[in-house]
Amino acid sequence: MGQPVPSALKSVSVIIPFYRGGRFFGAALSSVLNQTLKPHEIIVVDDASGPEASDYLKQFLPHIKLVTLSQNGGVGNARNVGILQARGEWIAFLDQDDLWEPRKLDAQVDYV
């Protein structure tokens, strides 16, 4: 059996579906940006929240890759769209109103 791969060599794409979640999103994004294992990319899929949401989310560029859908398809669809955009070796999902502990990604990739 080979040696475990260090966490730093594992790339994780974080996907955050967004639908009118400006009230919580800043804290959720901060919890991703404060990870001990920095994600390869953070993909935010705006599920047709409207022009105000797109304007709001643009303030987080270049920390996020923003994908804006023209029709609301629900959280499952938004996650699938994010997966198609992802370039990391692993995928991690975060809801717009959730928070991660700082070592969440590190701990999770240690199990793969």
PDB file of N, CA and C in Angstrom:
ATOM      1  N   MET A   1       0.843  -1.176   0.000  1.00  0.00           N
ATOM      2  CA  MET A   1       0.000   0.000   0.000  1.00  0.00           C
ATOM      3  C   MET A   1       0.887   1.237   0.000  1.00  0.00           C
ATOM      4  N   GLY A   2       0.538   2.264  -0.804  1.00  0.00           N
ATOM      5  CA  GLY A   2       1.328   3.482  -0.926  1.00  0.00           C
ATOM      6  C   GLY A   2       1.122   4.422   0.244  1.00  0.00           C
ATOM      7  N   GLN A   3       1.907   5.470   0.241  1.00  0.00           N
ATOM      8  CA  GLN A   3       1.814   6.505   1.270  1.00  0.00           C
ATOM      9  C   GLN A   3       0.588   7.380   1.018  1.00  0.00           C
ATOM     10  N   PRO A   4      -0.035   7.883   2.090  1.00  0.00           N
ATOM     11  CA  PRO A   4      -1.160   8.805   1.895  1.00  0.00           C
ATOM     12  C   PRO A   4      -0.706  10.068   1.172  1.00  0.00           C
ATOM     13  N   VAL A   5      -1.578  10.604   0.363  1.00  0.00           N
ATOM     14  CA  VAL A   5      -1.289  11.844  -0.352  1.00  0.00           C
ATOM     15  C   VAL A   5      -1.556  13.008   0.598  1.00  0.00           C
ATOM     16  N   PRO A   6      -0.591  13.930   0.772  1.00  0.00           N
ATOM     17  CA  PRO A   6      -0.823  15.083   1.653  1.00  0.00           C
ATOM     18  C   PRO A   6      -2.022  15.901   1.190  1.00  0.00           C
ATOM     19  N   SER A   7      -2.756  16.449   2.155  1.00  0.00           N
ATOM     20  CA  SER A   7      -3.942  17.247   1.844  1.00  0.00           C
ATOM     21  C   SER A   7      -3.641  18.353   0.854  1.00  0.00           C
ATOM     22  N   ALA A   8      -2.471  18.968   0.983  1.00  0.00           N
ATOM     23  CA  ALA A   8      -2.124  20.105   0.128  1.00  0.00           C
ATOM     24  C   ALA A   8      -2.057  19.726  -1.348  1.00  0.00           C
ATOM     25  N   LEU A   9      -1.912  18.448  -1.658  1.00  0.00           N
ATOM     26  CA  LEU A   9      -1.828  18.018  -3.045  1.00  0.00           C
ATOM     27  C   LEU A   9      -3.183  17.617  -3.610  1.00  0.00           C
ATOM     28  N   LYS A  10      -4.213  17.680  -2.807  1.00  0.00           N
ATOM     29  CA  LYS A  10      -5.563  17.333  -3.249  1.00  0.00           C
ATOM     30  C   LYS A  10      -6.328  18.615  -3.546  1.00  0.00           C
ATOM     31  N   SER A  11      -6.887  18.716  -4.746  1.00  0.00           N
ATOM     32  CA  SER A  11      -7.610  19.931  -5.116  1.00  0.00           C
ATOM     33  C   SER A  11      -9.114  19.717  -4.942  1.00  0.00           C
ATOM     34  N   VAL A  12      -9.736  20.683  -4.291  1.00  0.00           N
ATOM     35  CA  VAL A  12     -11.162  20.602  -3.985  1.00  0.00           C
ATOM     36  C   VAL A  12     -11.879  21.776  -4.632  1.00  0.00           C
ATOM     37  N   SER A  13     -12.929  21.471  -5.369  1.00  0.00           N
ATOM     38  CA  SER A  13     -13.831  22.486  -5.895  1.00  0.00           C
ATOM     39  C   SER A  13     -15.019  22.586  -4.948  1.00  0.00           C
ATOM     40  N   VAL A  14     -15.280  23.786  -4.466  1.00  0.00           N
ATOM     41  CA  VAL A  14     -16.416  24.027  -3.582  1.00  0.00           C
ATOM     42  C   VAL A  14     -17.551  24.598  -4.428  1.00  0.00           C
ATOM     43  N   ILE A  15     -18.722  24.015  -4.281  1.00  0.00           N
ATOM     44  CA  ILE A  15     -19.901  24.459  -5.028  1.00  0.00           C
ATOM     45  C   ILE A  15     -20.941  24.977  -4.044  1.00  0.00           C
ATOM     46  N   ILE A  16     -21.364  26.225  -4.282  1.00  0.00           N
ATOM     47  CA  ILE A  16     -22.365  26.850  -3.425  1.00  0.00           C
ATOM     48  C   ILE A  16     -23.552  27.280  -4.292  1.00  0.00           C
ATOM     49  N   PRO A  17     -24.681  26.571  -4.208  1.00  0.00           N
ATOM     50  CA  PRO A  17     -25.887  27.044  -4.889  1.00  0.00           C
ATOM     51  C   PRO A  17     -26.395  28.304  -4.175  1.00  0.00           C
ATOM     52  N   PHE A  18     -26.848  29.280  -4.952  1.00  0.00           N
ATOM     53  CA  PHE A  18     -27.298  30.552  -4.391  1.00  0.00           C
ATOM     54  C   PHE A  18     -28.670  30.889  -4.940  1.00  0.00           C
ATOM     55  N   TYR A  19     -29.595  31.192  -4.026  1.00  0.00           N
ATOM     56  CA  TYR A  19     -30.904  31.698  -4.437  1.00  0.00           C
ATOM     57  C   TYR A  19     -31.378  32.695  -3.385  1.00  0.00           C
ATOM     58  N   ARG A  20     -31.267  33.964  -3.730  1.00  0.00           N
ATOM     59  CA  ARG A  20     -31.714  35.052  -2.853  1.00  0.00           C
ATOM     60  C   ARG A  20     -31.185  34.883  -1.427  1.00  0.00           C
ATOM     61  N   GLY A  21     -29.926  34.540  -1.309  1.00  0.00           N
ATOM     62  CA  GLY A  21     -29.343  34.245   0.000  1.00  0.00           C
ATOM     63  C   GLY A  21     -28.333  35.256   0.485  1.00  0.00           C
ATOM     64  N   GLY A  22     -28.459  36.498   0.060  1.00  0.00           N
ATOM     65  CA  GLY A  22     -27.488  37.511   0.429  1.00  0.00           C
ATOM     66  C   GLY A  22     -27.324  37.702   1.925  1.00  0.00           C
ATOM     67  N   ARG A  23     -28.363  37.467   2.666  1.00  0.00           N
ATOM     68  CA  ARG A  23     -28.328  37.657   4.120  1.00  0.00           C
ATOM     69  C   ARG A  23     -27.288  36.754   4.782  1.00  0.00           C
ATOM     70  N   PHE A  24     -27.085  35.548   4.243  1.00  0.00           N
ATOM     71  CA  PHE A  24     -26.208  34.567   4.867  1.00  0.00           C
ATOM     72  C   PHE A  24     -24.913  34.314   4.101  1.00  0.00           C
ATOM     73  N   PHE A  25     -24.895  34.675   2.832  1.00  0.00           N
ATOM     74  CA  PHE A  25     -23.826  34.237   1.944  1.00  0.00           C
ATOM     75  C   PHE A  25     -22.434  34.693   2.368  1.00  0.00           C
ATOM     76  N   GLY A  26     -22.293  35.930   2.821  1.00  0.00           N
ATOM     77  CA  GLY A  26     -20.979  36.438   3.204  1.00  0.00           C
ATOM     78  C   GLY A  26     -20.318  35.582   4.267  1.00  0.00           C
ATOM     79  N   ALA A  27     -21.072  35.165   5.261  1.00  0.00           N
ATOM     80  CA  ALA A  27     -20.527  34.317   6.325  1.00  0.00           C
ATOM     81  C   ALA A  27     -20.180  32.931   5.790  1.00  0.00           C
ATOM     82  N   ALA A  28     -21.021  32.395   4.917  1.00  0.00           N
ATOM     83  CA  ALA A  28     -20.740  31.080   4.327  1.00  0.00           C
ATOM     84  C   ALA A  28     -19.448  31.129   3.519  1.00  0.00           C
ATOM     85  N   LEU A  29     -19.306  32.155   2.686  1.00  0.00           N
ATOM     86  CA  LEU A  29     -18.097  32.285   1.879  1.00  0.00           C
ATOM     87  C   LEU A  29     -16.867  32.463   2.764  1.00  0.00           C
ATOM     88  N   SER A  30     -16.969  33.262   3.807  1.00  0.00           N
ATOM     89  CA  SER A  30     -15.844  33.448   4.731  1.00  0.00           C
ATOM     90  C   SER A  30     -15.402  32.128   5.336  1.00  0.00           C
ATOM     91  N   SER A  31     -16.364  31.259   5.639  1.00  0.00           N
ATOM     92  CA  SER A  31     -15.999  29.963   6.223  1.00  0.00           C
ATOM     93  C   SER A  31     -15.234  29.093   5.231  1.00  0.00           C
ATOM     94  N   VAL A  32     -15.448  29.300   3.939  1.00  0.00           N
ATOM     95  CA  VAL A  32     -14.682  28.578   2.912  1.00  0.00           C
ATOM     96  C   VAL A  32     -13.297  29.209   2.759  1.00  0.00           C
ATOM     97  N   LEU A  33     -13.257  30.529   2.713  1.00  0.00           N
ATOM     98  CA  LEU A  33     -11.984  31.225   2.534  1.00  0.00           C
ATOM     99  C   LEU A  33     -11.041  31.025   3.717  1.00  0.00           C
ATOM    100  N   ASN A  34     -11.580  30.705   4.884  1.00  0.00           N
ATOM    101  CA  ASN A  34     -10.771  30.503   6.085  1.00  0.00           C
ATOM    102  C   ASN A  34     -10.372  29.044   6.323  1.00  0.00           C
ATOM    103  N   GLN A  35     -10.538  28.209   5.330  1.00  0.00           N
ATOM    104  CA  GLN A  35     -10.167  26.802   5.462  1.00  0.00           C
ATOM    105  C   GLN A  35      -8.649  26.651   5.555  1.00  0.00           C
ATOM    106  N   THR A  36      -8.194  25.688   6.348  1.00  0.00           N
ATOM    107  CA  THR A  36      -6.763  25.398   6.420  1.00  0.00           C
ATOM    108  C   THR A  36      -6.290  24.766   5.113  1.00  0.00           C
ATOM    109  N   LEU A  37      -7.147  24.033   4.436  1.00  0.00           N
ATOM    110  CA  LEU A  37      -6.870  23.540   3.084  1.00  0.00           C
ATOM    111  C   LEU A  37      -7.628  24.459   2.133  1.00  0.00           C
ATOM    112  N   LYS A  38      -6.898  25.293   1.437  1.00  0.00           N
ATOM    113  CA  LYS A  38      -7.538  26.251   0.538  1.00  0.00           C
ATOM    114  C   LYS A  38      -8.133  25.525  -0.665  1.00  0.00           C
ATOM    115  N   PRO A  39      -9.378  25.834  -1.020  1.00  0.00           N
ATOM    116  CA  PRO A  39      -9.994  25.176  -2.169  1.00  0.00           C
ATOM    117  C   PRO A  39      -9.335  25.604  -3.474  1.00  0.00           C
ATOM    118  N   HIS A  40      -9.376  24.706  -4.442  1.00  0.00           N
ATOM    119  CA  HIS A  40      -8.881  25.004  -5.791  1.00  0.00           C
ATOM    120  C   HIS A  40      -9.716  26.118  -6.419  1.00  0.00           C
ATOM    121  N   GLU A  41     -11.023  26.065  -6.159  1.00  0.00           N
ATOM    122  CA  GLU A  41     -11.951  27.052  -6.704  1.00  0.00           C
ATOM    123  C   GLU A  41     -13.235  27.033  -5.890  1.00  0.00           C
ATOM    124  N   ILE A  42     -13.936  28.142  -5.926  1.00  0.00           N
ATOM    125  CA  ILE A  42     -15.246  28.249  -5.286  1.00  0.00           C
ATOM    126  C   ILE A  42     -16.225  28.660  -6.380  1.00  0.00           C
ATOM    127  N   ILE A  43     -17.130  27.761  -6.693  1.00  0.00           N
ATOM    128  CA  ILE A  43     -18.106  27.993  -7.756  1.00  0.00           C
ATOM    129  C   ILE A  43     -19.447  28.317  -7.111  1.00  0.00           C
ATOM    130  N   VAL A  44     -19.950  29.505  -7.409  1.00  0.00           N
ATOM    131  CA  VAL A  44     -21.255  29.918  -6.904  1.00  0.00           C
ATOM    132  C   VAL A  44     -22.221  29.908  -8.084  1.00  0.00           C
ATOM    133  N   VAL A  45     -23.281  29.124  -7.943  1.00  0.00           N
ATOM    134  CA  VAL A  45     -24.276  29.023  -9.004  1.00  0.00           C
ATOM    135  C   VAL A  45     -25.515  29.793  -8.564  1.00  0.00           C
ATOM    136  N   ASP A  46     -25.705  30.960  -9.177  1.00  0.00           N
ATOM    137  CA  ASP A  46     -26.877  31.790  -8.904  1.00  0.00           C
ATOM    138  C   ASP A  46     -28.045  31.205  -9.678  1.00  0.00           C
ATOM    139  N   ASP A  47     -29.009  30.692  -8.941  1.00  0.00           N
ATOM    140  CA  ASP A  47     -30.138  29.975  -9.529  1.00  0.00           C
ATOM    141  C   ASP A  47     -31.264  30.938  -9.917  1.00  0.00           C
ATOM    142  N   ALA A  48     -30.919  31.880 -10.810  1.00  0.00           N
ATOM    143  CA  ALA A  48     -31.880  32.854 -11.352  1.00  0.00           C
ATOM    144  C   ALA A  48     -32.526  33.697 -10.247  1.00  0.00           C
ATOM    145  N   SER A  49     -31.680  34.241  -9.368  1.00  0.00           N
ATOM    146  CA  SER A  49     -32.176  35.084  -8.275  1.00  0.00           C
ATOM    147  C   SER A  49     -32.593  36.473  -8.737  1.00  0.00           C
ATOM    148  N   GLY A  50     -32.134  36.887  -9.901  1.00  0.00           N
ATOM    149  CA  GLY A  50     -32.462  38.216 -10.400  1.00  0.00           C
ATOM    150  C   GLY A  50     -31.235  39.105 -10.464  1.00  0.00           C
ATOM    151  N   PRO A  51     -31.378  40.258 -11.121  1.00  0.00           N
ATOM    152  CA  PRO A  51     -30.232  41.150 -11.332  1.00  0.00           C
ATOM    153  C   PRO A  51     -29.606  41.673 -10.042  1.00  0.00           C
ATOM    154  N   GLU A  52     -30.415  41.888  -9.002  1.00  0.00           N
ATOM    155  CA  GLU A  52     -29.862  42.373  -7.737  1.00  0.00           C
ATOM    156  C   GLU A  52     -28.889  41.356  -7.153  1.00  0.00           C
ATOM    157  N   ALA A  53     -29.217  40.081  -7.262  1.00  0.00           N
ATOM    158  CA  ALA A  53     -28.345  39.029  -6.735  1.00  0.00           C
ATOM    159  C   ALA A  53     -27.039  38.975  -7.509  1.00  0.00           C
ATOM    160  N   SER A  54     -27.109  39.089  -8.819  1.00  0.00           N
ATOM    161  CA  SER A  54     -25.889  39.081  -9.629  1.00  0.00           C
ATOM    162  C   SER A  54     -24.992  40.254  -9.260  1.00  0.00           C
ATOM    163  N   ASP A  55     -25.579  41.427  -9.078  1.00  0.00           N
ATOM    164  CA  ASP A  55     -24.798  42.593  -8.665  1.00  0.00           C
ATOM    165  C   ASP A  55     -24.169  42.358  -7.293  1.00  0.00           C
ATOM    166  N   TYR A  56     -24.926  41.786  -6.380  1.00  0.00           N
ATOM    167  CA  TYR A  56     -24.429  41.484  -5.036  1.00  0.00           C
ATOM    168  C   TYR A  56     -23.255  40.508  -5.100  1.00  0.00           C
ATOM    169  N   LEU A  57     -23.401  39.438  -5.875  1.00  0.00           N
ATOM    170  CA  LEU A  57     -22.372  38.404  -5.926  1.00  0.00           C
ATOM    171  C   LEU A  57     -21.090  38.877  -6.608  1.00  0.00           C
ATOM    172  N   LYS A  58     -21.198  39.824  -7.505  1.00  0.00           N
ATOM    173  CA  LYS A  58     -20.015  40.315  -8.219  1.00  0.00           C
ATOM    174  C   LYS A  58     -18.984  40.936  -7.278  1.00  0.00           C
ATOM    175  N   GLN A  59     -19.408  41.392  -6.115  1.00  0.00           N
ATOM    176  CA  GLN A  59     -18.455  41.962  -5.165  1.00  0.00           C
ATOM    177  C   GLN A  59     -17.468  40.924  -4.634  1.00  0.00           C
ATOM    178  N   PHE A  60     -17.807  39.647  -4.779  1.00  0.00           N
ATOM    179  CA  PHE A  60     -16.947  38.582  -4.261  1.00  0.00           C
ATOM    180  C   PHE A  60     -15.949  38.059  -5.300  1.00  0.00           C
ATOM    181  N   LEU A  61     -16.023  38.600  -6.510  1.00  0.00           N
ATOM    182  CA  LEU A  61     -15.033  38.263  -7.522  1.00  0.00           C
ATOM    183  C   LEU A  61     -13.706  38.885  -7.091  1.00  0.00           C
ATOM    184  N   PRO A  62     -12.576  38.333  -7.267  1.00  0.00           N
ATOM    185  CA  PRO A  62     -12.231  37.093  -7.949  1.00  0.00           C
ATOM    186  C   PRO A  62     -12.192  35.871  -7.033  1.00  0.00           C
ATOM    187  N   HIS A  63     -12.723  35.980  -5.799  1.00  0.00           N
ATOM    188  CA  HIS A  63     -12.692  34.834  -4.885  1.00  0.00           C
ATOM    189  C   HIS A  63     -13.596  33.699  -5.331  1.00  0.00           C
ATOM    190  N   ILE A  64     -14.585  34.045  -6.148  1.00  0.00           N
ATOM    191  CA  ILE A  64     -15.531  33.026  -6.609  1.00  0.00           C
ATOM    192  C   ILE A  64     -15.560  32.997  -8.133  1.00  0.00           C
ATOM    193  N   LYS A  65     -15.970  31.855  -8.643  1.00  0.00           N
ATOM    194  CA  LYS A  65     -16.328  31.743 -10.058  1.00  0.00           C
ATOM    195  C   LYS A  65     -17.848  31.773 -10.070  1.00  0.00           C
ATOM    196  N   LEU A  66     -18.429  32.775 -10.693  1.00  0.00           N
ATOM    197  CA  LEU A  66     -19.875  32.970 -10.681  1.00  0.00           C
ATOM    198  C   LEU A  66     -20.502  32.415 -11.945  1.00  0.00           C
ATOM    199  N   VAL A  67     -21.494  31.562 -11.756  1.00  0.00           N
ATOM    200  CA  VAL A  67     -22.286  31.026 -12.856  1.00  0.00           C
ATOM    201  C   VAL A  67     -23.721  31.460 -12.590  1.00  0.00           C
ATOM    202  N   THR A  68     -24.324  32.174 -13.531  1.00  0.00           N
ATOM    203  CA  THR A  68     -25.682  32.678 -13.352  1.00  0.00           C
ATOM    204  C   THR A  68     -26.621  31.953 -14.308  1.00  0.00           C
ATOM    205  N   LEU A  69     -27.638  31.334 -13.739  1.00  0.00           N
ATOM    206  CA  LEU A  69     -28.629  30.607 -14.544  1.00  0.00           C
ATOM    207  C   LEU A  69     -29.765  31.545 -14.931  1.00  0.00           C
ATOM    208  N   SER A  70     -30.321  31.343 -16.114  1.00  0.00           N
ATOM    209  CA  SER A  70     -31.407  32.197 -16.590  1.00  0.00           C
ATOM    210  C   SER A  70     -32.769  31.736 -16.084  1.00  0.00           C
ATOM    211  N   GLN A  71     -32.871  30.460 -15.695  1.00  0.00           N
ATOM    212  CA  GLN A  71     -34.124  29.927 -15.152  1.00  0.00           C
ATOM    213  C   GLN A  71     -33.834  29.185 -13.864  1.00  0.00           C
ATOM    214  N   ASN A  72     -34.724  29.357 -12.893  1.00  0.00           N
ATOM    215  CA  ASN A  72     -34.587  28.663 -11.621  1.00  0.00           C
ATOM    216  C   ASN A  72     -34.844  27.175 -11.826  1.00  0.00           C
ATOM    217  N   GLY A  73     -33.877  26.364 -11.409  1.00  0.00           N
ATOM    218  CA  GLY A  73     -34.017  24.924 -11.563  1.00  0.00           C
ATOM    219  C   GLY A  73     -33.930  24.160 -10.257  1.00  0.00           C
ATOM    220  N   GLY A  74     -33.772  24.871  -9.155  1.00  0.00           N
ATOM    221  CA  GLY A  74     -33.684  24.223  -7.859  1.00  0.00           C
ATOM    222  C   GLY A  74     -32.249  23.909  -7.474  1.00  0.00           C
ATOM    223  N   VAL A  75     -32.077  23.587  -6.210  1.00  0.00           N
ATOM    224  CA  VAL A  75     -30.746  23.386  -5.651  1.00  0.00           C
ATOM    225  C   VAL A  75     -30.004  22.213  -6.296  1.00  0.00           C
ATOM    226  N   GLY A  76     -30.709  21.131  -6.602  1.00  0.00           N
ATOM    227  CA  GLY A  76     -30.069  19.973  -7.241  1.00  0.00           C
ATOM    228  C   GLY A  76     -29.504  20.322  -8.609  1.00  0.00           C
ATOM    229  N   ASN A  77     -30.283  21.052  -9.381  1.00  0.00           N
ATOM    230  CA  ASN A  77     -29.820  21.488 -10.693  1.00  0.00           C
ATOM    231  C   ASN A  77     -28.612  22.409 -10.559  1.00  0.00           C
ATOM    232  N   ALA A  78     -28.678  23.343  -9.619  1.00  0.00           N
ATOM    233  CA  ALA A  78     -27.554  24.269  -9.415  1.00  0.00           C
ATOM    234  C   ALA A  78     -26.283  23.499  -9.048  1.00  0.00           C
ATOM    235  N   ARG A  79     -26.404  22.497  -8.201  1.00  0.00           N
ATOM    236  CA  ARG A  79     -25.227  21.677  -7.854  1.00  0.00           C
ATOM    237  C   ARG A  79     -24.684  20.965  -9.086  1.00  0.00           C
ATOM    238  N   ASN A  80     -25.572  20.408  -9.902  1.00  0.00           N
ATOM    239  CA  ASN A  80     -25.121  19.707 -11.111  1.00  0.00           C
ATOM    240  C   ASN A  80     -24.421  20.652 -12.082  1.00  0.00           C
ATOM    241  N   VAL A  81     -24.936  21.855 -12.233  1.00  0.00           N
ATOM    242  CA  VAL A  81     -24.277  22.850 -13.085  1.00  0.00           C
ATOM    243  C   VAL A  81     -22.884  23.156 -12.529  1.00  0.00           C
ATOM    244  N   GLY A  82     -22.782  23.297 -11.224  1.00  0.00           N
ATOM    245  CA  GLY A  82     -21.493  23.546 -10.593  1.00  0.00           C
ATOM    246  C   GLY A  82     -20.514  22.409 -10.826  1.00  0.00           C
ATOM    247  N   ILE A  83     -20.984  21.192 -10.735  1.00  0.00           N
ATOM    248  CA  ILE A  83     -20.125  20.023 -10.976  1.00  0.00           C
ATOM    249  C   ILE A  83     -19.558  20.068 -12.393  1.00  0.00           C
ATOM    250  N   LEU A  84     -20.376  20.434 -13.359  1.00  0.00           N
ATOM    251  CA  LEU A  84     -19.909  20.500 -14.745  1.00  0.00           C
ATOM    252  C   LEU A  84     -18.837  21.575 -14.941  1.00  0.00           C
ATOM    253  N   GLN A  85     -18.832  22.594 -14.093  1.00  0.00           N
ATOM    254  CA  GLN A  85     -17.839  23.667 -14.182  1.00  0.00           C
ATOM    255  C   GLN A  85     -16.567  23.353 -13.401  1.00  0.00           C
ATOM    256  N   ALA A  86     -16.655  22.401 -12.476  1.00  0.00           N
ATOM    257  CA  ALA A  86     -15.567  22.143 -11.530  1.00  0.00           C
ATOM    258  C   ALA A  86     -14.343  21.545 -12.208  1.00  0.00           C
ATOM    259  N   ARG A  87     -13.173  21.974 -11.728  1.00  0.00           N
ATOM    260  CA  ARG A  87     -11.893  21.478 -12.236  1.00  0.00           C
ATOM    261  C   ARG A  87     -11.064  20.794 -11.159  1.00  0.00           C
ATOM    262  N   GLY A  88     -11.536  20.784  -9.930  1.00  0.00           N
ATOM    263  CA  GLY A  88     -10.815  20.136  -8.841  1.00  0.00           C
ATOM    264  C   GLY A  88     -10.951  18.628  -8.900  1.00  0.00           C
ATOM    265  N   GLU A  89     -10.078  17.966  -8.174  1.00  0.00           N
ATOM    266  CA  GLU A  89     -10.108  16.500  -8.087  1.00  0.00           C
ATOM    267  C   GLU A  89     -11.307  16.029  -7.263  1.00  0.00           C
ATOM    268  N   TRP A  90     -11.697  16.829  -6.273  1.00  0.00           N
ATOM    269  CA  TRP A  90     -12.797  16.492  -5.375  1.00  0.00           C
ATOM    270  C   TRP A  90     -13.819  17.617  -5.387  1.00  0.00           C
ATOM    271  N   ILE A  91     -15.051  17.284  -5.002  1.00  0.00           N
ATOM    272  CA  ILE A  91     -16.157  18.239  -4.937  1.00  0.00           C
ATOM    273  C   ILE A  91     -16.628  18.320  -3.487  1.00  0.00           C
ATOM    274  N   ALA A  92     -16.887  19.540  -3.023  1.00  0.00           N
ATOM    275  CA  ALA A  92     -17.494  19.748  -1.710  1.00  0.00           C
ATOM    276  C   ALA A  92     -18.657  20.725  -1.891  1.00  0.00           C
ATOM    277  N   PHE A  93     -19.782  20.397  -1.299  1.00  0.00           N
ATOM    278  CA  PHE A  93     -20.966  21.243  -1.392  1.00  0.00           C
ATOM    279  C   PHE A  93     -21.151  22.032  -0.098  1.00  0.00           C
ATOM    280  N   LEU A  94     -21.542  23.278  -0.248  1.00  0.00           N
ATOM    281  CA  LEU A  94     -21.898  24.110   0.897  1.00  0.00           C
ATOM    282  C   LEU A  94     -23.163  24.859   0.529  1.00  0.00           C
ATOM    283  N   ASP A  95     -24.160  24.825   1.399  1.00  0.00           N
ATOM    284  CA  ASP A  95     -25.364  25.615   1.172  1.00  0.00           C
ATOM    285  C   ASP A  95     -25.079  27.066   1.540  1.00  0.00           C
ATOM    286  N   GLN A  96     -25.791  27.975   0.921  1.00  0.00           N
ATOM    287  CA  GLN A  96     -25.546  29.410   1.087  1.00  0.00           C
ATOM    288  C   GLN A  96     -25.728  29.898   2.518  1.00  0.00           C
ATOM    289  N   ASP A  97     -26.428  29.129   3.351  1.00  0.00           N
ATOM    290  CA  ASP A  97     -26.691  29.558   4.722  1.00  0.00           C
ATOM    291  C   ASP A  97     -26.013  28.674   5.765  1.00  0.00           C
ATOM    292  N   ASP A  98     -24.992  27.923   5.344  1.00  0.00           N
ATOM    293  CA  ASP A  98     -24.255  27.055   6.261  1.00  0.00           C
ATOM    294  C   ASP A  98     -22.836  27.567   6.458  1.00  0.00           C
ATOM    295  N   LEU A  99     -22.195  27.073   7.507  1.00  0.00           N
ATOM    296  CA  LEU A  99     -20.819  27.445   7.818  1.00  0.00           C
ATOM    297  C   LEU A  99     -19.986  26.186   8.006  1.00  0.00           C
ATOM    298  N   TRP A 100     -18.710  26.281   7.655  1.00  0.00           N
ATOM    299  CA  TRP A 100     -17.770  25.179   7.868  1.00  0.00           C
ATOM    300  C   TRP A 100     -16.798  25.534   8.978  1.00  0.00           C
ATOM    301  N   GLU A 101     -16.421  24.528   9.747  1.00  0.00           N
ATOM    302  CA  GLU A 101     -15.310  24.670  10.687  1.00  0.00           C
ATOM    303  C   GLU A 101     -14.030  24.835   9.870  1.00  0.00           C
ATOM    304  N   PRO A 102     -13.019  25.533  10.388  1.00  0.00           N
ATOM    305  CA  PRO A 102     -11.817  25.839   9.593  1.00  0.00           C
ATOM    306  C   PRO A 102     -11.049  24.634   9.047  1.00  0.00           C
ATOM    307  N   ARG A 103     -11.134  23.480   9.677  1.00  0.00           N
ATOM    308  CA  ARG A 103     -10.396  22.305   9.196  1.00  0.00           C
ATOM    309  C   ARG A 103     -11.284  21.315   8.444  1.00  0.00           C
ATOM    310  N   LYS A 104     -12.467  21.701   8.070  1.00  0.00           N
ATOM    311  CA  LYS A 104     -13.424  20.787   7.437  1.00  0.00           C
ATOM    312  C   LYS A 104     -12.846  20.125   6.200  1.00  0.00           C
ATOM    313  N   LEU A 105     -12.320  20.899   5.247  1.00  0.00           N
ATOM    314  CA  LEU A 105     -11.798  20.305   4.022  1.00  0.00           C
ATOM    315  C   LEU A 105     -10.569  19.446   4.302  1.00  0.00           C
ATOM    316  N   ASP A 106      -9.678  19.934   5.153  1.00  0.00           N
ATOM    317  CA  ASP A 106      -8.488  19.166   5.526  1.00  0.00           C
ATOM    318  C   ASP A 106      -8.872  17.802   6.081  1.00  0.00           C
ATOM    319  N   ALA A 107      -9.794  17.799   7.018  1.00  0.00           N
ATOM    320  CA  ALA A 107     -10.227  16.552   7.666  1.00  0.00           C
ATOM    321  C   ALA A 107     -10.908  15.630   6.658  1.00  0.00           C
ATOM    322  N   GLN A 108     -11.695  16.205   5.782  1.00  0.00           N
ATOM    323  CA  GLN A 108     -12.440  15.383   4.840  1.00  0.00           C
ATOM    324  C   GLN A 108     -11.532  14.714   3.822  1.00  0.00           C
ATOM    325  N   VAL A 109     -10.574  15.448   3.269  1.00  0.00           N
ATOM    326  CA  VAL A 109      -9.714  14.821   2.248  1.00  0.00           C
ATOM    327  C   VAL A 109      -8.741  13.833   2.864  1.00  0.00           C
ATOM    328  N   ASP A 110      -8.505  13.914   4.176  1.00  0.00           N
ATOM    329  CA  ASP A 110      -7.649  12.915   4.825  1.00  0.00           C
ATOM    330  C   ASP A 110      -8.280  11.525   4.799  1.00  0.00           C
ATOM    331  N   TYR A 111      -9.589  11.452   4.577  1.00  0.00           N
ATOM    332  CA  TYR A 111     -10.279  10.167   4.555  1.00  0.00           C
ATOM    333  C   TYR A 111     -10.368   9.542   3.172  1.00  0.00           C
ATOM    334  N   VAL A 112      -9.893  10.246   2.159  1.00  0.00           N
ATOM    335  CA  VAL A 112      -9.986   9.685   0.800  1.00  0.00           C
ATOM    336  C   VAL A 112      -8.658   9.126   0.348  1.00  0.00           C
TER     337      VAL A 112
END
